[in-house]
Amino acid sequence: MPAVNISDSEVNAINATSSAFISVWCYLMIIFGLIGHILSIGVFTRPSLRSNPCSCYLLAATISAIGLVAINVLLRLLQTVYKINIYMGSVTICKFLSWLFLWIKTQHGWFIALASIDR
């Protein structure tokens, strides 16, 4: 195997580029995710769709997806770019945040499943 000669400056440049890319990507995900979900809320709350139970399930899925985008992506941004790890504070906070994120993810999926069953 050939020896790899990578200097510290090259490693730092790769880390800085990776951090900048993740930062821009997360901010774009938050912005476009919130805009898309807010527009979906506008569609699902129209009077013609409000009486349809399927659109009520999709509205609930959209609202839970806003929480998923806002909280999960923001937390990943704090962890990867700013090196702030909320999970390291205490065991209680770690367990609560893990439960919250798992609950939000599964709640979104269950609302989609309920909308499919309703159709």
PDB file of N, CA and C in Angstrom:
ATOM      1  N   MET A   1       0.841  -1.179   0.000  1.00  0.00           N
ATOM      2  CA  MET A   1       0.000   0.000   0.000  1.00  0.00           C
ATOM      3  C   MET A   1       0.885   1.240   0.000  1.00  0.00           C
ATOM      4  N   PRO A   2       0.551   2.203  -0.828  1.00  0.00           N
ATOM      5  CA  PRO A   2       1.353   3.424  -0.849  1.00  0.00           C
ATOM      6  C   PRO A   2       1.051   4.291   0.370  1.00  0.00           C
ATOM      7  N   ALA A   3       2.060   4.976   0.803  1.00  0.00           N
ATOM      8  CA  ALA A   3       1.890   5.886   1.935  1.00  0.00           C
ATOM      9  C   ALA A   3       1.185   7.149   1.455  1.00  0.00           C
ATOM     10  N   VAL A   4       0.287   7.643   2.266  1.00  0.00           N
ATOM     11  CA  VAL A   4      -0.456   8.846   1.912  1.00  0.00           C
ATOM     12  C   VAL A   4       0.185  10.016   2.637  1.00  0.00           C
ATOM     13  N   ASN A   5       0.574  11.005   1.871  1.00  0.00           N
ATOM     14  CA  ASN A   5       1.198  12.197   2.444  1.00  0.00           C
ATOM     15  C   ASN A   5       0.215  13.360   2.340  1.00  0.00           C
ATOM     16  N   ILE A   6      -0.496  13.575   3.404  1.00  0.00           N
ATOM     17  CA  ILE A   6      -1.442  14.689   3.455  1.00  0.00           C
ATOM     18  C   ILE A   6      -1.002  15.597   4.585  1.00  0.00           C
ATOM     19  N   SER A   7      -0.842  16.855   4.257  1.00  0.00           N
ATOM     20  CA  SER A   7      -0.395  17.799   5.276  1.00  0.00           C
ATOM     21  C   SER A   7      -1.579  18.272   6.118  1.00  0.00           C
ATOM     22  N   ASP A   8      -1.254  18.892   7.225  1.00  0.00           N
ATOM     23  CA  ASP A   8      -2.299  19.416   8.112  1.00  0.00           C
ATOM     24  C   ASP A   8      -3.110  20.514   7.442  1.00  0.00           C
ATOM     25  N   SER A   9      -2.469  21.304   6.596  1.00  0.00           N
ATOM     26  CA  SER A   9      -3.195  22.380   5.925  1.00  0.00           C
ATOM     27  C   SER A   9      -4.225  21.819   4.943  1.00  0.00           C
ATOM     28  N   GLU A  10      -3.900  20.704   4.292  1.00  0.00           N
ATOM     29  CA  GLU A  10      -4.870  20.086   3.392  1.00  0.00           C
ATOM     30  C   GLU A  10      -6.056  19.510   4.162  1.00  0.00           C
ATOM     31  N   VAL A  11      -5.777  18.893   5.303  1.00  0.00           N
ATOM     32  CA  VAL A  11      -6.849  18.358   6.140  1.00  0.00           C
ATOM     33  C   VAL A  11      -7.730  19.488   6.656  1.00  0.00           C
ATOM     34  N   ASN A  12      -7.121  20.580   7.086  1.00  0.00           N
ATOM     35  CA  ASN A  12      -7.890  21.734   7.567  1.00  0.00           C
ATOM     36  C   ASN A  12      -8.730  22.343   6.450  1.00  0.00           C
ATOM     37  N   ALA A  13      -8.180  22.376   5.233  1.00  0.00           N
ATOM     38  CA  ALA A  13      -8.933  22.916   4.102  1.00  0.00           C
ATOM     39  C   ALA A  13     -10.134  22.031   3.781  1.00  0.00           C
ATOM     40  N   ILE A  14      -9.944  20.717   3.831  1.00  0.00           N
ATOM     41  CA  ILE A  14     -11.058  19.798   3.580  1.00  0.00           C
ATOM     42  C   ILE A  14     -12.121  19.941   4.666  1.00  0.00           C
ATOM     43  N   ASN A  15     -11.700  20.048   5.919  1.00  0.00           N
ATOM     44  CA  ASN A  15     -12.655  20.221   7.021  1.00  0.00           C
ATOM     45  C   ASN A  15     -13.417  21.535   6.906  1.00  0.00           C
ATOM     46  N   ALA A  16     -12.729  22.614   6.526  1.00  0.00           N
ATOM     47  CA  ALA A  16     -13.389  23.911   6.375  1.00  0.00           C
ATOM     48  C   ALA A  16     -14.386  23.883   5.222  1.00  0.00           C
ATOM     49  N   THR A  17     -14.006  23.249   4.124  1.00  0.00           N
ATOM     50  CA  THR A  17     -14.911  23.141   2.981  1.00  0.00           C
ATOM     51  C   THR A  17     -16.132  22.298   3.334  1.00  0.00           C
ATOM     52  N   SER A  18     -15.906  21.206   4.032  1.00  0.00           N
ATOM     53  CA  SER A  18     -17.009  20.345   4.457  1.00  0.00           C
ATOM     54  C   SER A  18     -17.950  21.086   5.401  1.00  0.00           C
ATOM     55  N   SER A  19     -17.398  21.829   6.330  1.00  0.00           N
ATOM     56  CA  SER A  19     -18.214  22.586   7.278  1.00  0.00           C
ATOM     57  C   SER A  19     -19.029  23.665   6.565  1.00  0.00           C
ATOM     58  N   ALA A  20     -18.413  24.343   5.600  1.00  0.00           N
ATOM     59  CA  ALA A  20     -19.131  25.376   4.851  1.00  0.00           C
ATOM     60  C   ALA A  20     -20.256  24.765   4.018  1.00  0.00           C
ATOM     61  N   PHE A  21     -19.984  23.625   3.393  1.00  0.00           N
ATOM     62  CA  PHE A  21     -21.015  22.958   2.594  1.00  0.00           C
ATOM     63  C   PHE A  21     -22.184  22.512   3.465  1.00  0.00           C
ATOM     64  N   ILE A  22     -21.891  21.903   4.602  1.00  0.00           N
ATOM     65  CA  ILE A  22     -22.952  21.441   5.501  1.00  0.00           C
ATOM     66  C   ILE A  22     -23.759  22.621   6.023  1.00  0.00           C
ATOM     67  N   SER A  23     -23.081  23.727   6.320  1.00  0.00           N
ATOM     68  CA  SER A  23     -23.772  24.913   6.813  1.00  0.00           C
ATOM     69  C   SER A  23     -24.750  25.449   5.768  1.00  0.00           C
ATOM     70  N   VAL A  24     -24.282  25.616   4.544  1.00  0.00           N
ATOM     71  CA  VAL A  24     -25.148  26.126   3.481  1.00  0.00           C
ATOM     72  C   VAL A  24     -26.281  25.147   3.202  1.00  0.00           C
ATOM     73  N   TRP A  25     -25.967  23.856   3.167  1.00  0.00           N
ATOM     74  CA  TRP A  25     -26.976  22.833   2.901  1.00  0.00           C
ATOM     75  C   TRP A  25     -28.068  22.836   3.971  1.00  0.00           C
ATOM     76  N   CYS A  26     -27.677  22.927   5.228  1.00  0.00           N
ATOM     77  CA  CYS A  26     -28.671  22.918   6.312  1.00  0.00           C
ATOM     78  C   CYS A  26     -29.550  24.161   6.274  1.00  0.00           C
ATOM     79  N   TYR A  27     -28.945  25.321   6.037  1.00  0.00           N
ATOM     80  CA  TYR A  27     -29.753  26.536   5.962  1.00  0.00           C
ATOM     81  C   TYR A  27     -30.736  26.471   4.797  1.00  0.00           C
ATOM     82  N   LEU A  28     -30.290  25.949   3.650  1.00  0.00           N
ATOM     83  CA  LEU A  28     -31.195  25.806   2.513  1.00  0.00           C
ATOM     84  C   LEU A  28     -32.308  24.802   2.806  1.00  0.00           C
ATOM     85  N   MET A  29     -31.963  23.720   3.493  1.00  0.00           N
ATOM     86  CA  MET A  29     -32.989  22.729   3.855  1.00  0.00           C
ATOM     87  C   MET A  29     -34.032  23.348   4.780  1.00  0.00           C
ATOM     88  N   ILE A  30     -33.582  24.149   5.737  1.00  0.00           N
ATOM     89  CA  ILE A  30     -34.524  24.791   6.657  1.00  0.00           C
ATOM     90  C   ILE A  30     -35.413  25.773   5.905  1.00  0.00           C
ATOM     91  N   ILE A  31     -34.816  26.610   5.072  1.00  0.00           N
ATOM     92  CA  ILE A  31     -35.581  27.637   4.356  1.00  0.00           C
ATOM     93  C   ILE A  31     -36.582  27.001   3.398  1.00  0.00           C
ATOM     94  N   PHE A  32     -36.092  26.131   2.509  1.00  0.00           N
ATOM     95  CA  PHE A  32     -36.996  25.535   1.522  1.00  0.00           C
ATOM     96  C   PHE A  32     -37.983  24.561   2.160  1.00  0.00           C
ATOM     97  N   GLY A  33     -37.564  23.872   3.205  1.00  0.00           N
ATOM     98  CA  GLY A  33     -38.476  22.970   3.899  1.00  0.00           C
ATOM     99  C   GLY A  33     -39.623  23.717   4.554  1.00  0.00           C
ATOM    100  N   LEU A  34     -39.295  24.814   5.237  1.00  0.00           N
ATOM    101  CA  LEU A  34     -40.355  25.595   5.884  1.00  0.00           C
ATOM    102  C   LEU A  34     -41.277  26.246   4.863  1.00  0.00           C
ATOM    103  N   ILE A  35     -40.702  26.765   3.773  1.00  0.00           N
ATOM    104  CA  ILE A  35     -41.537  27.378   2.734  1.00  0.00           C
ATOM    105  C   ILE A  35     -42.470  26.339   2.119  1.00  0.00           C
ATOM    106  N   GLY A  36     -41.935  25.178   1.789  1.00  0.00           N
ATOM    107  CA  GLY A  36     -42.762  24.132   1.188  1.00  0.00           C
ATOM    108  C   GLY A  36     -43.868  23.648   2.105  1.00  0.00           C
ATOM    109  N   HIS A  37     -43.550  23.466   3.370  1.00  0.00           N
ATOM    110  CA  HIS A  37     -44.570  22.982   4.304  1.00  0.00           C
ATOM    111  C   HIS A  37     -45.605  24.054   4.619  1.00  0.00           C
ATOM    112  N   ILE A  38     -45.193  25.301   4.673  1.00  0.00           N
ATOM    113  CA  ILE A  38     -46.165  26.380   4.889  1.00  0.00           C
ATOM    114  C   ILE A  38     -47.113  26.486   3.698  1.00  0.00           C
ATOM    115  N   LEU A  39     -46.579  26.316   2.486  1.00  0.00           N
ATOM    116  CA  LEU A  39     -47.458  26.307   1.311  1.00  0.00           C
ATOM    117  C   LEU A  39     -48.407  25.110   1.339  1.00  0.00           C
ATOM    118  N   SER A  40     -47.925  23.973   1.804  1.00  0.00           N
ATOM    119  CA  SER A  40     -48.800  22.797   1.930  1.00  0.00           C
ATOM    120  C   SER A  40     -49.903  23.040   2.951  1.00  0.00           C
ATOM    121  N   ILE A  41     -49.571  23.709   4.036  1.00  0.00           N
ATOM    122  CA  ILE A  41     -50.599  24.055   5.025  1.00  0.00           C
ATOM    123  C   ILE A  41     -51.643  24.968   4.392  1.00  0.00           C
ATOM    124  N   GLY A  42     -51.182  25.915   3.569  1.00  0.00           N
ATOM    125  CA  GLY A  42     -52.124  26.784   2.868  1.00  0.00           C
ATOM    126  C   GLY A  42     -53.051  26.019   1.943  1.00  0.00           C
ATOM    127  N   VAL A  43     -52.530  24.991   1.302  1.00  0.00           N
ATOM    128  CA  VAL A  43     -53.366  24.181   0.406  1.00  0.00           C
ATOM    129  C   VAL A  43     -54.351  23.333   1.198  1.00  0.00           C
ATOM    130  N   PHE A  44     -53.877  22.672   2.245  1.00  0.00           N
ATOM    131  CA  PHE A  44     -54.739  21.748   2.985  1.00  0.00           C
ATOM    132  C   PHE A  44     -55.770  22.443   3.865  1.00  0.00           C
ATOM    133  N   THR A  45     -55.625  23.733   4.110  1.00  0.00           N
ATOM    134  CA  THR A  45     -56.619  24.453   4.911  1.00  0.00           C
ATOM    135  C   THR A  45     -57.632  25.197   4.048  1.00  0.00           C
ATOM    136  N   ARG A  46     -57.616  24.968   2.759  1.00  0.00           N
ATOM    137  CA  ARG A  46     -58.620  25.593   1.895  1.00  0.00           C
ATOM    138  C   ARG A  46     -59.998  25.046   2.250  1.00  0.00           C
ATOM    139  N   PRO A  47     -61.027  25.860   2.117  1.00  0.00           N
ATOM    140  CA  PRO A  47     -62.372  25.407   2.497  1.00  0.00           C
ATOM    141  C   PRO A  47     -62.845  24.164   1.735  1.00  0.00           C
ATOM    142  N   SER A  48     -62.435  24.023   0.490  1.00  0.00           N
ATOM    143  CA  SER A  48     -62.886  22.859  -0.278  1.00  0.00           C
ATOM    144  C   SER A  48     -62.236  21.564   0.210  1.00  0.00           C
ATOM    145  N   LEU A  49     -61.065  21.638   0.812  1.00  0.00           N
ATOM    146  CA  LEU A  49     -60.373  20.445   1.303  1.00  0.00           C
ATOM    147  C   LEU A  49     -60.542  20.223   2.799  1.00  0.00           C
ATOM    148  N   ARG A  50     -61.024  21.215   3.502  1.00  0.00           N
ATOM    149  CA  ARG A  50     -61.095  21.118   4.956  1.00  0.00           C
ATOM    150  C   ARG A  50     -62.040  20.017   5.430  1.00  0.00           C
ATOM    151  N   SER A  51     -63.078  19.736   4.661  1.00  0.00           N
ATOM    152  CA  SER A  51     -64.044  18.715   5.079  1.00  0.00           C
ATOM    153  C   SER A  51     -63.582  17.295   4.754  1.00  0.00           C
ATOM    154  N   ASN A  52     -62.576  17.138   3.941  1.00  0.00           N
ATOM    155  CA  ASN A  52     -62.074  15.819   3.559  1.00  0.00           C
ATOM    156  C   ASN A  52     -61.161  15.276   4.662  1.00  0.00           C
ATOM    157  N   PRO A  53     -61.469  14.102   5.221  1.00  0.00           N
ATOM    158  CA  PRO A  53     -60.626  13.577   6.302  1.00  0.00           C
ATOM    159  C   PRO A  53     -59.208  13.236   5.845  1.00  0.00           C
ATOM    160  N   CYS A  54     -59.063  12.882   4.578  1.00  0.00           N
ATOM    161  CA  CYS A  54     -57.728  12.567   4.070  1.00  0.00           C
ATOM    162  C   CYS A  54     -56.838  13.809   4.100  1.00  0.00           C
ATOM    163  N   SER A  55     -57.391  14.951   3.746  1.00  0.00           N
ATOM    164  CA  SER A  55     -56.596  16.176   3.776  1.00  0.00           C
ATOM    165  C   SER A  55     -56.292  16.599   5.211  1.00  0.00           C
ATOM    166  N   CYS A  56     -57.152  16.226   6.150  1.00  0.00           N
ATOM    167  CA  CYS A  56     -56.852  16.506   7.563  1.00  0.00           C
ATOM    168  C   CYS A  56     -55.645  15.704   8.026  1.00  0.00           C
ATOM    169  N   TYR A  57     -55.557  14.442   7.594  1.00  0.00           N
ATOM    170  CA  TYR A  57     -54.380  13.632   7.927  1.00  0.00           C
ATOM    171  C   TYR A  57     -53.119  14.199   7.275  1.00  0.00           C
ATOM    172  N   LEU A  58     -53.246  14.630   6.025  1.00  0.00           N
ATOM    173  CA  LEU A  58     -52.084  15.198   5.341  1.00  0.00           C
ATOM    174  C   LEU A  58     -51.677  16.539   5.952  1.00  0.00           C
ATOM    175  N   LEU A  59     -52.654  17.303   6.431  1.00  0.00           N
ATOM    176  CA  LEU A  59     -52.341  18.542   7.139  1.00  0.00           C
ATOM    177  C   LEU A  59     -51.580  18.248   8.427  1.00  0.00           C
ATOM    178  N   ALA A  60     -52.026  17.244   9.164  1.00  0.00           N
ATOM    179  CA  ALA A  60     -51.320  16.859  10.393  1.00  0.00           C
ATOM    180  C   ALA A  60     -49.914  16.357  10.082  1.00  0.00           C
ATOM    181  N   ALA A  61     -49.759  15.622   8.981  1.00  0.00           N
ATOM    182  CA  ALA A  61     -48.427  15.157   8.581  1.00  0.00           C
ATOM    183  C   ALA A  61     -47.530  16.331   8.211  1.00  0.00           C
ATOM    184  N   THR A  62     -48.097  17.331   7.568  1.00  0.00           N
ATOM    185  CA  THR A  62     -47.325  18.511   7.202  1.00  0.00           C
ATOM    186  C   THR A  62     -46.882  19.285   8.438  1.00  0.00           C
ATOM    187  N   ILE A  63     -47.754  19.412   9.402  1.00  0.00           N
ATOM    188  CA  ILE A  63     -47.399  20.125  10.631  1.00  0.00           C
ATOM    189  C   ILE A  63     -46.307  19.382  11.390  1.00  0.00           C
ATOM    190  N   SER A  64     -46.403  18.062  11.445  1.00  0.00           N
ATOM    191  CA  SER A  64     -45.339  17.312  12.124  1.00  0.00           C
ATOM    192  C   SER A  64     -44.041  17.361  11.334  1.00  0.00           C
ATOM    193  N   ALA A  65     -44.128  17.456  10.009  1.00  0.00           N
ATOM    194  CA  ALA A  65     -42.915  17.562   9.195  1.00  0.00           C
ATOM    195  C   ALA A  65     -42.226  18.910   9.396  1.00  0.00           C
ATOM    196  N   ILE A  66     -42.998  19.948   9.685  1.00  0.00           N
ATOM    197  CA  ILE A  66     -42.380  21.241  10.005  1.00  0.00           C
ATOM    198  C   ILE A  66     -41.526  21.106  11.256  1.00  0.00           C
ATOM    199  N   GLY A  67     -42.056  20.424  12.255  1.00  0.00           N
ATOM    200  CA  GLY A  67     -41.268  20.190  13.462  1.00  0.00           C
ATOM    201  C   GLY A  67     -40.027  19.379  13.181  1.00  0.00           C
ATOM    202  N   LEU A  68     -40.150  18.405  12.307  1.00  0.00           N
ATOM    203  CA  LEU A  68     -39.005  17.576  11.950  1.00  0.00           C
ATOM    204  C   LEU A  68     -37.937  18.392  11.240  1.00  0.00           C
ATOM    205  N   VAL A  69     -38.346  19.222  10.297  1.00  0.00           N
ATOM    206  CA  VAL A  69     -37.380  20.041   9.561  1.00  0.00           C
ATOM    207  C   VAL A  69     -36.750  21.080  10.477  1.00  0.00           C
ATOM    208  N   ALA A  70     -37.579  21.769  11.231  1.00  0.00           N
ATOM    209  CA  ALA A  70     -37.062  22.858  12.052  1.00  0.00           C
ATOM    210  C   ALA A  70     -36.152  22.360  13.166  1.00  0.00           C
ATOM    211  N   ILE A  71     -36.555  21.326  13.848  1.00  0.00           N
ATOM    212  CA  ILE A  71     -35.788  20.878  15.011  1.00  0.00           C
ATOM    213  C   ILE A  71     -34.617  19.992  14.615  1.00  0.00           C
ATOM    214  N   ASN A  72     -34.873  19.000  13.776  1.00  0.00           N
ATOM    215  CA  ASN A  72     -33.841  18.020  13.459  1.00  0.00           C
ATOM    216  C   ASN A  72     -32.703  18.628  12.645  1.00  0.00           C
ATOM    217  N   VAL A  73     -33.027  19.384  11.619  1.00  0.00           N
ATOM    218  CA  VAL A  73     -31.975  19.976  10.793  1.00  0.00           C
ATOM    219  C   VAL A  73     -31.205  21.026  11.585  1.00  0.00           C
ATOM    220  N   LEU A  74     -31.903  21.793  12.403  1.00  0.00           N
ATOM    221  CA  LEU A  74     -31.226  22.792  13.224  1.00  0.00           C
ATOM    222  C   LEU A  74     -30.275  22.143  14.223  1.00  0.00           C
ATOM    223  N   LEU A  75     -30.693  21.044  14.808  1.00  0.00           N
ATOM    224  CA  LEU A  75     -29.828  20.336  15.747  1.00  0.00           C
ATOM    225  C   LEU A  75     -28.608  19.757  15.044  1.00  0.00           C
ATOM    226  N   ARG A  76     -28.790  19.202  13.855  1.00  0.00           N
ATOM    227  CA  ARG A  76     -27.648  18.676  13.093  1.00  0.00           C
ATOM    228  C   ARG A  76     -26.698  19.800  12.699  1.00  0.00           C
ATOM    229  N   LEU A  77     -27.238  20.967  12.390  1.00  0.00           N
ATOM    230  CA  LEU A  77     -26.403  22.123  12.073  1.00  0.00           C
ATOM    231  C   LEU A  77     -25.569  22.525  13.276  1.00  0.00           C
ATOM    232  N   LEU A  78     -26.180  22.563  14.446  1.00  0.00           N
ATOM    233  CA  LEU A  78     -25.436  22.900  15.658  1.00  0.00           C
ATOM    234  C   LEU A  78     -24.340  21.881  15.941  1.00  0.00           C
ATOM    235  N   GLN A  79     -24.629  20.604  15.707  1.00  0.00           N
ATOM    236  CA  GLN A  79     -23.655  19.561  16.010  1.00  0.00           C
ATOM    237  C   GLN A  79     -22.491  19.554  15.036  1.00  0.00           C
ATOM    238  N   THR A  80     -22.762  19.659  13.742  1.00  0.00           N
ATOM    239  CA  THR A  80     -21.692  19.489  12.761  1.00  0.00           C
ATOM    240  C   THR A  80     -20.912  20.761  12.484  1.00  0.00           C
ATOM    241  N   VAL A  81     -21.579  21.889  12.435  1.00  0.00           N
ATOM    242  CA  VAL A  81     -20.892  23.128  12.062  1.00  0.00           C
ATOM    243  C   VAL A  81     -20.375  23.879  13.282  1.00  0.00           C
ATOM    244  N   TYR A  82     -21.224  24.057  14.278  1.00  0.00           N
ATOM    245  CA  TYR A  82     -20.846  24.869  15.428  1.00  0.00           C
ATOM    246  C   TYR A  82     -20.302  24.056  16.597  1.00  0.00           C
ATOM    247  N   LYS A  83     -20.261  22.741  16.452  1.00  0.00           N
ATOM    248  CA  LYS A  83     -19.698  21.825  17.460  1.00  0.00           C
ATOM    249  C   LYS A  83     -20.379  21.969  18.823  1.00  0.00           C
ATOM    250  N   ILE A  84     -21.685  22.202  18.807  1.00  0.00           N
ATOM    251  CA  ILE A  84     -22.478  22.262  20.033  1.00  0.00           C
ATOM    252  C   ILE A  84     -23.302  20.989  20.092  1.00  0.00           C
ATOM    253  N   ASN A  85     -23.030  20.155  21.067  1.00  0.00           N
ATOM    254  CA  ASN A  85     -23.734  18.882  21.190  1.00  0.00           C
ATOM    255  C   ASN A  85     -24.667  18.942  22.395  1.00  0.00           C
ATOM    256  N   ILE A  86     -25.945  19.064  22.129  1.00  0.00           N
ATOM    257  CA  ILE A  86     -26.939  19.181  23.189  1.00  0.00           C
ATOM    258  C   ILE A  86     -27.088  17.865  23.940  1.00  0.00           C
ATOM    259  N   TYR A  87     -26.814  16.767  23.270  1.00  0.00           N
ATOM    260  CA  TYR A  87     -26.975  15.452  23.889  1.00  0.00           C
ATOM    261  C   TYR A  87     -26.003  15.223  25.040  1.00  0.00           C
ATOM    262  N   MET A  88     -24.920  15.935  25.097  1.00  0.00           N
ATOM    263  CA  MET A  88     -23.909  15.713  26.126  1.00  0.00           C
ATOM    264  C   MET A  88     -24.239  16.409  27.442  1.00  0.00           C
ATOM    265  N   GLY A  89     -25.312  17.187  27.496  1.00  0.00           N
ATOM    266  CA  GLY A  89     -25.664  17.923  28.704  1.00  0.00           C
ATOM    267  C   GLY A  89     -26.001  17.034  29.876  1.00  0.00           C
ATOM    268  N   SER A  90     -26.962  16.163  29.687  1.00  0.00           N
ATOM    269  CA  SER A  90     -27.349  15.228  30.738  1.00  0.00           C
ATOM    270  C   SER A  90     -28.028  14.024  30.096  1.00  0.00           C
ATOM    271  N   VAL A  91     -28.149  12.986  30.872  1.00  0.00           N
ATOM    272  CA  VAL A  91     -28.787  11.766  30.372  1.00  0.00           C
ATOM    273  C   VAL A  91     -30.272  12.013  30.126  1.00  0.00           C
ATOM    274  N   THR A  92     -30.897  12.813  30.970  1.00  0.00           N
ATOM    275  CA  THR A  92     -32.325  13.100  30.824  1.00  0.00           C
ATOM    276  C   THR A  92     -32.599  13.852  29.528  1.00  0.00           C
ATOM    277  N   ILE A  93     -31.790  14.863  29.237  1.00  0.00           N
ATOM    278  CA  ILE A  93     -31.959  15.620  27.996  1.00  0.00           C
ATOM    279  C   ILE A  93     -31.713  14.726  26.791  1.00  0.00           C
ATOM    280  N   CYS A  94     -30.715  13.887  26.874  1.00  0.00           N
ATOM    281  CA  CYS A  94     -30.409  12.957  25.781  1.00  0.00           C
ATOM    282  C   CYS A  94     -31.576  12.015  25.519  1.00  0.00           C
ATOM    283  N   LYS A  95     -32.131  11.449  26.565  1.00  0.00           N
ATOM    284  CA  LYS A  95     -33.262  10.532  26.405  1.00  0.00           C
ATOM    285  C   LYS A  95     -34.493  11.259  25.874  1.00  0.00           C
ATOM    286  N   PHE A  96     -34.755  12.460  26.392  1.00  0.00           N
ATOM    287  CA  PHE A  96     -35.925  13.209  25.948  1.00  0.00           C
ATOM    288  C   PHE A  96     -35.802  13.605  24.481  1.00  0.00           C
ATOM    289  N   LEU A  97     -34.638  14.116  24.064  1.00  0.00           N
ATOM    290  CA  LEU A  97     -34.458  14.512  22.671  1.00  0.00           C
ATOM    291  C   LEU A  97     -34.525  13.311  21.737  1.00  0.00           C
ATOM    292  N   SER A  98     -33.944  12.204  22.146  1.00  0.00           N
ATOM    293  CA  SER A  98     -34.025  10.993  21.321  1.00  0.00           C
ATOM    294  C   SER A  98     -35.470  10.542  21.167  1.00  0.00           C
ATOM    295  N   TRP A  99     -36.230  10.564  22.255  1.00  0.00           N
ATOM    296  CA  TRP A  99     -37.638  10.189  22.201  1.00  0.00           C
ATOM    297  C   TRP A  99     -38.427  11.166  21.336  1.00  0.00           C
ATOM    298  N   LEU A 100     -38.161  12.473  21.478  1.00  0.00           N
ATOM    299  CA  LEU A 100     -38.887  13.493  20.727  1.00  0.00           C
ATOM    300  C   LEU A 100     -38.672  13.333  19.228  1.00  0.00           C
ATOM    301  N   PHE A 101     -37.429  13.148  18.808  1.00  0.00           N
ATOM    302  CA  PHE A 101     -37.154  13.014  17.381  1.00  0.00           C
ATOM    303  C   PHE A 101     -37.738  11.734  16.813  1.00  0.00           C
ATOM    304  N   LEU A 102     -37.658  10.653  17.555  1.00  0.00           N
ATOM    305  CA  LEU A 102     -38.251   9.402  17.090  1.00  0.00           C
ATOM    306  C   LEU A 102     -39.769   9.528  17.010  1.00  0.00           C
ATOM    307  N   TRP A 103     -40.378  10.202  17.976  1.00  0.00           N
ATOM    308  CA  TRP A 103     -41.822  10.399  17.978  1.00  0.00           C
ATOM    309  C   TRP A 103     -42.271  11.250  16.793  1.00  0.00           C
ATOM    310  N   ILE A 104     -41.531  12.333  16.509  1.00  0.00           N
ATOM    311  CA  ILE A 104     -41.900  13.199  15.387  1.00  0.00           C
ATOM    312  C   ILE A 104     -41.780  12.438  14.068  1.00  0.00           C
ATOM    313  N   LYS A 105     -40.709  11.666  13.912  1.00  0.00           N
ATOM    314  CA  LYS A 105     -40.531  10.909  12.670  1.00  0.00           C
ATOM    315  C   LYS A 105     -41.623   9.864  12.487  1.00  0.00           C
ATOM    316  N   THR A 106     -41.950   9.143  13.542  1.00  0.00           N
ATOM    317  CA  THR A 106     -42.975   8.108  13.406  1.00  0.00           C
ATOM    318  C   THR A 106     -44.368   8.714  13.284  1.00  0.00           C
ATOM    319  N   GLN A 107     -44.591   9.847  13.925  1.00  0.00           N
ATOM    320  CA  GLN A 107     -45.890  10.506  13.827  1.00  0.00           C
ATOM    321  C   GLN A 107     -46.166  10.916  12.382  1.00  0.00           C
ATOM    322  N   HIS A 108     -45.177  11.455  11.719  1.00  0.00           N
ATOM    323  CA  HIS A 108     -45.325  11.855  10.322  1.00  0.00           C
ATOM    324  C   HIS A 108     -45.678  10.642   9.459  1.00  0.00           C
ATOM    325  N   GLY A 109     -44.982   9.549   9.666  1.00  0.00           N
ATOM    326  CA  GLY A 109     -45.263   8.336   8.900  1.00  0.00           C
ATOM    327  C   GLY A 109     -46.649   7.770   9.164  1.00  0.00           C
ATOM    328  N   TRP A 110     -47.086   7.821  10.411  1.00  0.00           N
ATOM    329  CA  TRP A 110     -48.414   7.306  10.748  1.00  0.00           C
ATOM    330  C   TRP A 110     -49.518   8.160  10.135  1.00  0.00           C
ATOM    331  N   PHE A 111     -49.315   9.463  10.072  1.00  0.00           N
ATOM    332  CA  PHE A 111     -50.327  10.305   9.432  1.00  0.00           C
ATOM    333  C   PHE A 111     -50.437   9.993   7.941  1.00  0.00           C
ATOM    334  N   ILE A 112     -49.316   9.747   7.289  1.00  0.00           N
ATOM    335  CA  ILE A 112     -49.348   9.364   5.876  1.00  0.00           C
ATOM    336  C   ILE A 112     -50.049   8.013   5.716  1.00  0.00           C
ATOM    337  N   ALA A 113     -49.750   7.070   6.620  1.00  0.00           N
ATOM    338  CA  ALA A 113     -50.406   5.758   6.560  1.00  0.00           C
ATOM    339  C   ALA A 113     -51.911   5.886   6.780  1.00  0.00           C
ATOM    340  N   LEU A 114     -52.322   6.726   7.717  1.00  0.00           N
ATOM    341  CA  LEU A 114     -53.755   6.927   7.959  1.00  0.00           C
ATOM    342  C   LEU A 114     -54.444   7.565   6.758  1.00  0.00           C
ATOM    343  N   ALA A 115     -53.753   8.496   6.086  1.00  0.00           N
ATOM    344  CA  ALA A 115     -54.326   9.091   4.877  1.00  0.00           C
ATOM    345  C   ALA A 115     -54.470   8.039   3.783  1.00  0.00           C
ATOM    346  N   SER A 116     -53.510   7.134   3.681  1.00  0.00           N
ATOM    347  CA  SER A 116     -53.596   6.062   2.681  1.00  0.00           C
ATOM    348  C   SER A 116     -54.730   5.099   3.004  1.00  0.00           C
ATOM    349  N   ILE A 117     -54.891   4.766   4.269  1.00  0.00           N
ATOM    350  CA  ILE A 117     -55.975   3.866   4.669  1.00  0.00           C
ATOM    351  C   ILE A 117     -57.333   4.528   4.428  1.00  0.00           C
ATOM    352  N   ASP A 118     -57.403   5.828   4.665  1.00  0.00           N
ATOM    353  CA  ASP A 118     -58.662   6.548   4.492  1.00  0.00           C
ATOM    354  C   ASP A 118     -59.097   6.573   3.030  1.00  0.00           C
ATOM    355  N   ARG A 119     -58.151   6.615   2.126  1.00  0.00           N
ATOM    356  CA  ARG A 119     -58.484   6.645   0.701  1.00  0.00           C
ATOM    357  C   ARG A 119     -58.947   5.292   0.265  1.00  0.00           C
TER     358      ARG A 119
END
